[in-house]
Protein backbone atom coordinates (compact mmCIF):
# COMPACT_ATOMS: atom_id res chain seq x y z
CA UNK A 1 64.26 168.84 -109.52
CA UNK A 2 61.16 168.94 -111.71
CA UNK A 3 57.72 168.15 -110.34
CA UNK A 4 57.70 164.87 -112.28
CA UNK A 5 61.07 163.78 -110.88
CA UNK A 6 59.99 164.88 -107.41
CA UNK A 7 56.78 162.85 -107.72
CA UNK A 8 58.75 159.82 -108.96
CA UNK A 9 61.13 160.17 -106.03
CA UNK A 10 58.24 160.37 -103.53
CA UNK A 11 56.48 157.36 -105.06
CA UNK A 12 59.69 155.34 -104.96
CA UNK A 13 60.32 156.41 -101.35
CA UNK A 14 56.85 155.49 -100.10
CA UNK A 15 56.77 152.15 -101.92
CA UNK A 16 60.29 151.29 -100.75
CA UNK A 17 59.48 152.12 -97.11
CA UNK A 18 56.26 150.12 -97.27
CA UNK A 19 58.02 147.16 -98.85
CA UNK A 20 60.76 147.24 -96.18
CA UNK A 21 58.19 147.32 -93.35
CA UNK A 22 56.24 144.44 -94.87
CA UNK A 23 59.41 142.39 -95.42
CA UNK A 24 60.50 142.94 -91.80
CA UNK A 25 57.05 142.06 -90.47
CA UNK A 26 56.76 138.94 -92.63
CA UNK A 27 60.18 137.76 -91.47
CA UNK A 28 59.48 138.43 -87.79
CA UNK A 29 55.96 137.03 -87.41
CA UNK A 30 56.27 133.57 -85.95
CA UNK A 31 60.02 133.73 -85.47
CA UNK A 32 60.79 136.73 -83.23
CA UNK A 33 58.93 136.62 -79.91
CA UNK A 34 60.03 140.20 -79.14
CA UNK A 35 58.72 141.65 -82.40
CA UNK A 36 56.46 144.65 -81.79
CA UNK A 37 53.56 143.92 -84.12
CA UNK A 38 51.60 146.96 -82.93
CA UNK A 39 54.46 149.34 -83.77
CA UNK A 40 55.06 147.64 -87.12
CA UNK A 41 51.38 147.85 -87.98
CA UNK A 42 51.39 151.54 -87.09
CA UNK A 43 54.32 152.20 -89.44
CA UNK A 44 52.71 150.08 -92.17
CA UNK A 45 49.44 151.99 -91.78
CA UNK A 46 51.27 155.30 -92.06
CA UNK A 47 53.02 154.15 -95.24
CA UNK A 48 49.69 153.02 -96.72
CA UNK A 49 48.17 156.38 -95.81
CA UNK A 50 51.09 158.23 -97.41
CA UNK A 51 50.73 156.08 -100.51
CA UNK A 52 46.99 156.77 -100.69
CA UNK A 53 47.57 160.50 -100.38
CA UNK A 54 50.34 160.41 -102.96
CA UNK A 55 48.20 158.49 -105.46
CA UNK A 56 45.02 160.48 -104.90
CA UNK A 57 43.96 162.03 -108.15
CA UNK A 58 46.04 159.64 -110.24
CA UNK A 59 45.41 156.17 -111.56
CA UNK A 60 47.93 153.33 -111.23
CA UNK A 61 47.87 152.92 -115.02
CA UNK A 62 49.33 156.43 -115.27
CA UNK A 63 52.38 155.38 -113.24
CA UNK A 64 55.77 154.78 -114.75
CA UNK A 65 56.36 151.09 -115.59
CA UNK A 66 58.95 150.67 -112.80
CA UNK A 67 56.48 152.09 -110.26
CA UNK A 68 53.73 149.83 -111.56
CA UNK A 69 56.06 146.84 -111.10
CA UNK A 70 57.05 148.01 -107.61
CA UNK A 71 53.37 148.50 -106.73
CA UNK A 72 52.56 144.96 -107.91
CA UNK A 73 55.46 143.59 -105.83
CA UNK A 74 54.18 145.45 -102.76
CA UNK A 75 50.65 144.17 -103.43
CA UNK A 76 51.88 140.58 -103.50
CA UNK A 77 53.85 141.06 -100.29
CA UNK A 78 50.79 142.63 -98.64
CA UNK A 79 48.75 139.55 -99.55
CA UNK A 80 51.34 137.31 -97.89
CA UNK A 81 51.47 139.71 -94.93
CA UNK A 82 47.70 139.54 -94.55
CA UNK A 83 47.82 135.73 -94.38
CA UNK A 84 50.67 135.79 -91.86
CA UNK A 85 48.97 138.35 -89.62
CA UNK A 86 45.71 136.38 -89.82
CA UNK A 87 47.49 133.14 -88.86
CA UNK A 88 49.27 134.93 -86.02
CA UNK A 89 45.99 136.34 -84.67
CA UNK A 90 44.32 132.92 -84.88
CA UNK A 91 47.23 131.43 -82.94
CA UNK A 92 46.92 134.14 -80.29
CA UNK A 93 43.16 133.46 -80.00
CA UNK A 94 43.79 129.71 -79.72
CA UNK A 95 46.35 130.21 -76.96
CA UNK A 96 44.05 132.60 -75.10
CA UNK A 97 41.25 130.03 -75.34
CA UNK A 98 43.53 127.29 -74.00
CA UNK A 99 44.53 129.50 -71.07
CA UNK A 100 40.87 130.31 -70.36
CA UNK A 101 39.96 126.60 -70.45
CA UNK A 102 42.88 125.72 -68.16
CA UNK A 103 41.85 128.37 -65.63
CA UNK A 104 38.22 127.25 -65.77
CA UNK A 105 39.24 123.62 -65.25
CA UNK A 106 41.45 124.55 -62.30
CA UNK A 107 38.61 126.50 -60.70
CA UNK A 108 36.15 123.62 -61.18
CA UNK A 109 37.44 121.55 -58.27
CA UNK A 110 34.19 119.72 -57.61
CA UNK A 111 32.61 122.33 -55.36
CA UNK A 112 29.60 124.35 -56.30
CA UNK A 113 29.98 127.74 -57.87
CA UNK A 114 28.12 130.59 -56.20
CA UNK A 115 25.37 130.44 -58.86
CA UNK A 116 25.02 126.65 -58.49
CA UNK A 117 24.90 126.98 -54.69
CA UNK A 118 22.10 129.59 -54.86
CA UNK A 119 20.12 127.43 -57.32
CA UNK A 120 20.49 124.41 -55.01
CA UNK A 121 19.19 126.42 -52.04
CA UNK A 122 16.07 127.51 -53.97
CA UNK A 123 14.95 123.99 -54.79
């Protein structure tokens, strides 16, 4: 296999793996409660690192047309992925805030907190 064919094969492999990880993550976020987002993000990060290392020293315009198209497809899917992950994290923060508020309301049973009790004793 020539260096050019080997490079093409590696580019195709990295982009295909990255695309598959992004597709799986996009499908699972919000629909699969058992989805391991941390693991998926780790794999996605590794693929992005591999892609960065593979493309170091070359410009995307120097890529073969099919790789340029695949790269653009991956870019679009990453944009969607970013929005989905952001929405997921906002939902997690909202739920955590609701839990915190519920616990605080349950603890506020009309008695003084320790700080309020000390302040009342000083006056």
